[in-house]
Amino acid sequence: MSAISYVNAIAQNQIIWLVELRGEPVGFLRAKPVDDMLYCAEMSVLRHHHGKGLGEKLMSHFIKFAKENGFRGVCGITYKDVPWNGPYYRRLGLNYLDKNLIGPELLAIMSSDTEIALSQAGSRVVFGKRF
């Protein structure tokens, strides 16, 4: 993400956490309130830092923040079958959420042009958990 992307995200009521190693940013998680949940809009760790547990630490912090700040759960949308997407979140203790657990704002994101375009590359699912 560029510096202006961060400025725009924060202006849109989004939260961004960075993970740094030796002062260098190597990953981030971008979240925002959606319905009564905290939505993981994007998470990324530089490829040469995969396997070090950095993504897991970001997700753990994201979940803890949601619990401590009154959200009713956490969620996100990802590819179901890509190993570092759906299966990864399942290994972290998150589940695929049924439509009856999804609010109107998240349903709107799921039916957005962006999500429709992304679904052309593979099956997309909502992951998360309720507290």
Protein backbone atom coordinates (compact mmCIF):
# COMPACT_ATOMS: atom_id res chain seq x y z
CA MET A 1 0.00 0.00 0.00
CA SER A 2 1.18 3.51 -0.73
CA ALA A 3 1.24 6.29 1.85
CA ILE A 4 -1.81 7.91 0.25
CA SER A 5 -3.64 4.57 0.46
CA TYR A 6 -3.10 4.57 4.22
CA VAL A 7 -4.35 8.14 4.52
CA ASN A 8 -7.47 7.28 2.49
CA ALA A 9 -8.11 4.10 4.50
CA ILE A 10 -7.87 5.90 7.83
CA ALA A 11 -10.21 8.62 6.52
CA GLN A 12 -12.72 5.86 5.75
CA ASN A 13 -12.80 4.65 9.38
CA GLN A 14 -10.35 1.82 8.73
CA ILE A 15 -7.70 0.50 11.11
CA ILE A 16 -4.27 -0.56 9.91
CA TRP A 17 -1.71 -2.55 11.85
CA LEU A 18 1.83 -2.95 10.57
CA VAL A 19 4.31 -5.62 11.54
CA GLU A 20 7.94 -4.58 11.41
CA LEU A 21 11.20 -6.45 11.65
CA ARG A 22 14.26 -4.38 12.50
CA GLY A 23 12.37 -1.19 11.64
CA GLU A 24 11.22 -2.38 8.22
CA PRO A 25 7.50 -2.91 7.56
CA VAL A 26 7.03 -6.48 6.34
CA GLY A 27 3.28 -6.98 6.71
CA PHE A 28 -0.03 -5.37 7.49
CA LEU A 29 -3.66 -6.02 8.30
CA ARG A 30 -6.34 -3.52 7.26
CA ALA A 31 -9.69 -3.72 9.06
CA LYS A 32 -12.93 -1.80 9.34
CA PRO A 33 -16.23 -2.04 11.20
CA VAL A 34 -18.87 -3.87 9.17
CA ASP A 35 -22.29 -4.51 10.71
CA ASP A 36 -21.46 -5.53 14.30
CA MET A 37 -18.17 -7.21 13.40
CA LEU A 38 -14.60 -6.16 12.66
CA TYR A 39 -13.89 -6.98 9.02
CA CYS A 40 -10.43 -7.96 7.78
CA ALA A 41 -10.36 -6.11 4.48
CA GLU A 42 -6.81 -7.16 3.63
CA MET A 43 -3.81 -8.89 5.18
CA SER A 44 -0.39 -9.38 3.64
CA VAL A 45 3.11 -10.41 4.67
CA LEU A 46 6.07 -10.09 2.32
CA ARG A 47 6.81 -13.45 0.72
CA HIS A 48 10.35 -13.73 2.08
CA HIS A 49 8.90 -13.39 5.60
CA HIS A 50 6.28 -16.16 5.23
CA GLY A 51 6.50 -18.98 7.74
CA LYS A 52 7.64 -16.80 10.63
CA GLY A 53 4.22 -16.51 12.29
CA LEU A 54 3.81 -12.82 11.44
CA GLY A 55 0.38 -13.25 9.81
CA GLU A 56 -0.77 -15.29 12.79
CA LYS A 57 0.37 -12.51 15.14
CA LEU A 58 -1.51 -9.91 13.08
CA MET A 59 -4.68 -12.04 13.14
CA SER A 60 -4.34 -12.66 16.87
CA HIS A 61 -4.03 -8.92 17.52
CA PHE A 62 -6.99 -8.23 15.19
CA ILE A 63 -9.19 -10.70 17.10
CA LYS A 64 -8.08 -9.42 20.51
CA PHE A 65 -8.74 -5.82 19.44
CA ALA A 66 -12.24 -6.77 18.24
CA LYS A 67 -13.07 -8.50 21.54
CA GLU A 68 -11.72 -5.63 23.65
CA ASN A 69 -13.60 -2.99 21.65
CA GLY A 70 -17.11 -4.38 21.70
CA PHE A 71 -17.35 -6.04 18.31
CA ARG A 72 -19.56 -9.15 18.16
CA GLY A 73 -17.03 -11.05 16.06
CA VAL A 74 -14.49 -10.90 13.26
CA CYS A 75 -14.86 -11.72 9.59
CA GLY A 76 -13.31 -11.42 6.16
CA ILE A 77 -13.74 -12.71 2.62
CA THR A 78 -11.16 -14.95 1.01
CA TYR A 79 -10.56 -17.71 -1.50
CA LYS A 80 -11.83 -21.01 -0.13
CA ASP A 81 -9.22 -23.33 -1.61
CA VAL A 82 -6.02 -21.26 -1.85
CA PRO A 83 -3.72 -22.68 0.90
CA TRP A 84 -2.64 -19.30 2.30
CA ASN A 85 -6.28 -18.08 2.28
CA GLY A 86 -9.23 -20.23 3.39
CA PRO A 87 -7.26 -23.19 4.80
CA TYR A 88 -4.88 -20.77 6.55
CA TYR A 89 -7.70 -18.96 8.37
CA ARG A 90 -9.26 -22.32 9.31
CA ARG A 91 -5.93 -23.37 10.90
CA LEU A 92 -6.07 -20.15 12.95
CA GLY A 93 -9.43 -21.22 14.41
CA LEU A 94 -11.73 -19.24 12.15
CA ASN A 95 -14.68 -20.88 10.39
CA TYR A 96 -16.63 -20.31 7.22
CA LEU A 97 -19.72 -18.31 8.17
CA ASP A 98 -23.21 -19.22 6.99
CA LYS A 99 -25.32 -16.50 5.38
CA ASN A 100 -27.54 -16.30 8.49
CA LEU A 101 -24.49 -14.97 10.43
CA ILE A 102 -23.78 -12.25 7.87
CA GLY A 103 -25.24 -8.76 8.16
CA PRO A 104 -26.40 -6.42 5.39
CA GLU A 105 -23.12 -4.46 5.11
CA LEU A 106 -21.10 -7.64 4.63
CA LEU A 107 -23.66 -8.95 2.14
CA ALA A 108 -23.22 -5.71 0.20
CA ILE A 109 -19.44 -6.20 0.15
CA MET A 110 -19.93 -9.79 -1.05
CA SER A 111 -22.07 -8.60 -3.96
CA SER A 112 -19.79 -5.68 -4.92
CA ASP A 113 -18.21 -5.46 -8.36
CA THR A 114 -14.80 -6.10 -6.81
CA GLU A 115 -15.94 -9.34 -5.15
CA ILE A 116 -17.72 -10.48 -8.31
CA ALA A 117 -14.50 -9.93 -10.27
CA LEU A 118 -12.41 -11.75 -7.65
CA SER A 119 -14.80 -14.71 -7.64
CA GLN A 120 -13.96 -15.33 -11.29
CA ALA A 121 -10.57 -16.65 -10.11
CA GLY A 122 -12.03 -19.10 -7.57
CA SER A 123 -14.64 -19.79 -4.92
CA ARG A 124 -14.88 -16.99 -2.31
CA VAL A 125 -16.10 -17.55 1.26
CA VAL A 126 -16.75 -15.48 4.36
CA PHE A 127 -14.53 -16.54 7.26
CA GLY A 128 -14.66 -15.49 10.86
CA LYS A 129 -16.23 -16.18 14.20
CA ARG A 130 -18.77 -14.71 16.56
CA PHE A 131 -17.87 -13.94 20.18
